[in-house]
């Protein structure tokens, strides 16, 4: 079961800013979501890698 996107989410904002939701096919939307999560995880890893662990 797929969940609907919340309009306040950053993923929704990303897809809206790229106009994928308006004009994109299902495949283009899926690819845009993958690109978003790839970038999101890259940024998250770079931030968490700077934290010092005891």
C-alpha atoms as a PDB file:
ATOM      1  CA  UNK A   1       0.000   0.000   0.000  1.00  0.00           C
ATOM      2  CA  UNK A   2       1.429   3.373  -1.002  1.00  0.00           C
ATOM      3  CA  UNK A   3       1.077   6.346   1.277  1.00  0.00           C
ATOM      4  CA  UNK A   4       0.154   9.773  -0.030  1.00  0.00           C
ATOM      5  CA  UNK A   5       2.723  12.535   0.220  1.00  0.00           C
ATOM      6  CA  UNK A   6       2.087  15.280   2.724  1.00  0.00           C
ATOM      7  CA  UNK A   7       2.244  18.693   1.100  1.00  0.00           C
ATOM      8  CA  UNK A   8       4.454  19.962   3.919  1.00  0.00           C
ATOM      9  CA  UNK A   9       7.160  17.344   3.336  1.00  0.00           C
ATOM     10  CA  UNK A  10      10.524  18.222   1.860  1.00  0.00           C
ATOM     11  CA  UNK A  11      10.132  15.437  -0.717  1.00  0.00           C
ATOM     12  CA  UNK A  12       6.883  16.955  -1.951  1.00  0.00           C
ATOM     13  CA  UNK A  13       8.552  20.387  -2.156  1.00  0.00           C
ATOM     14  CA  UNK A  14      11.445  18.876  -4.121  1.00  0.00           C
ATOM     15  CA  UNK A  15       9.104  17.197  -6.607  1.00  0.00           C
ATOM     16  CA  UNK A  16       7.038  20.369  -6.979  1.00  0.00           C
ATOM     17  CA  UNK A  17      10.106  22.532  -7.566  1.00  0.00           C
ATOM     18  CA  UNK A  18      11.265  20.221 -10.347  1.00  0.00           C
ATOM     19  CA  UNK A  19       7.770  20.244 -11.927  1.00  0.00           C
ATOM     20  CA  UNK A  20       7.768  16.441 -11.882  1.00  0.00           C
ATOM     21  CA  UNK A  21       4.349  16.177 -10.264  1.00  0.00           C
ATOM     22  CA  UNK A  22       2.754  18.394 -12.916  1.00  0.00           C
ATOM     23  CA  UNK A  23       4.256  16.994 -16.089  1.00  0.00           C
ATOM     24  CA  UNK A  24       6.180  13.849 -15.181  1.00  0.00           C
ATOM     25  CA  UNK A  25       5.270  10.249 -15.813  1.00  0.00           C
ATOM     26  CA  UNK A  26       5.189   7.655 -13.045  1.00  0.00           C
ATOM     27  CA  UNK A  27       8.685   6.569 -14.039  1.00  0.00           C
ATOM     28  CA  UNK A  28      10.027  10.139 -13.914  1.00  0.00           C
ATOM     29  CA  UNK A  29       8.477  10.648 -10.481  1.00  0.00           C
ATOM     30  CA  UNK A  30      10.083   7.433  -9.239  1.00  0.00           C
ATOM     31  CA  UNK A  31      13.481   8.504 -10.587  1.00  0.00           C
ATOM     32  CA  UNK A  32      13.118  11.942  -8.996  1.00  0.00           C
ATOM     33  CA  UNK A  33      12.293  10.332  -5.636  1.00  0.00           C
ATOM     34  CA  UNK A  34      15.389   8.139  -5.883  1.00  0.00           C
ATOM     35  CA  UNK A  35      17.527  11.186  -6.695  1.00  0.00           C
ATOM     36  CA  UNK A  36      16.058  13.070  -3.737  1.00  0.00           C
ATOM     37  CA  UNK A  37      16.767  10.261  -1.271  1.00  0.00           C
ATOM     38  CA  UNK A  38      20.268   9.755  -2.653  1.00  0.00           C
ATOM     39  CA  UNK A  39      21.074  13.432  -2.055  1.00  0.00           C
ATOM     40  CA  UNK A  40      19.305  13.428   1.332  1.00  0.00           C
ATOM     41  CA  UNK A  41      21.354  10.446   2.535  1.00  0.00           C
ATOM     42  CA  UNK A  42      24.591  11.970   1.204  1.00  0.00           C
ATOM     43  CA  UNK A  43      23.989  15.147   3.207  1.00  0.00           C
ATOM     44  CA  UNK A  44      22.936  13.167   6.279  1.00  0.00           C
ATOM     45  CA  UNK A  45      26.068  11.026   6.143  1.00  0.00           C
ATOM     46  CA  UNK A  46      28.333  14.034   5.765  1.00  0.00           C
ATOM     47  CA  UNK A  47      26.746  15.644   8.833  1.00  0.00           C
ATOM     48  CA  UNK A  48      26.793  12.496  10.976  1.00  0.00           C
ATOM     49  CA  UNK A  49      30.365  11.681   9.987  1.00  0.00           C
ATOM     50  CA  UNK A  50      31.577  14.882  11.651  1.00  0.00           C
ATOM     51  CA  UNK A  51      30.193  13.915  15.044  1.00  0.00           C
ATOM     52  CA  UNK A  52      32.751  12.598  17.498  1.00  0.00           C
ATOM     53  CA  UNK A  53      31.979   9.295  19.136  1.00  0.00           C
ATOM     54  CA  UNK A  54      33.165   8.329  22.620  1.00  0.00           C
END
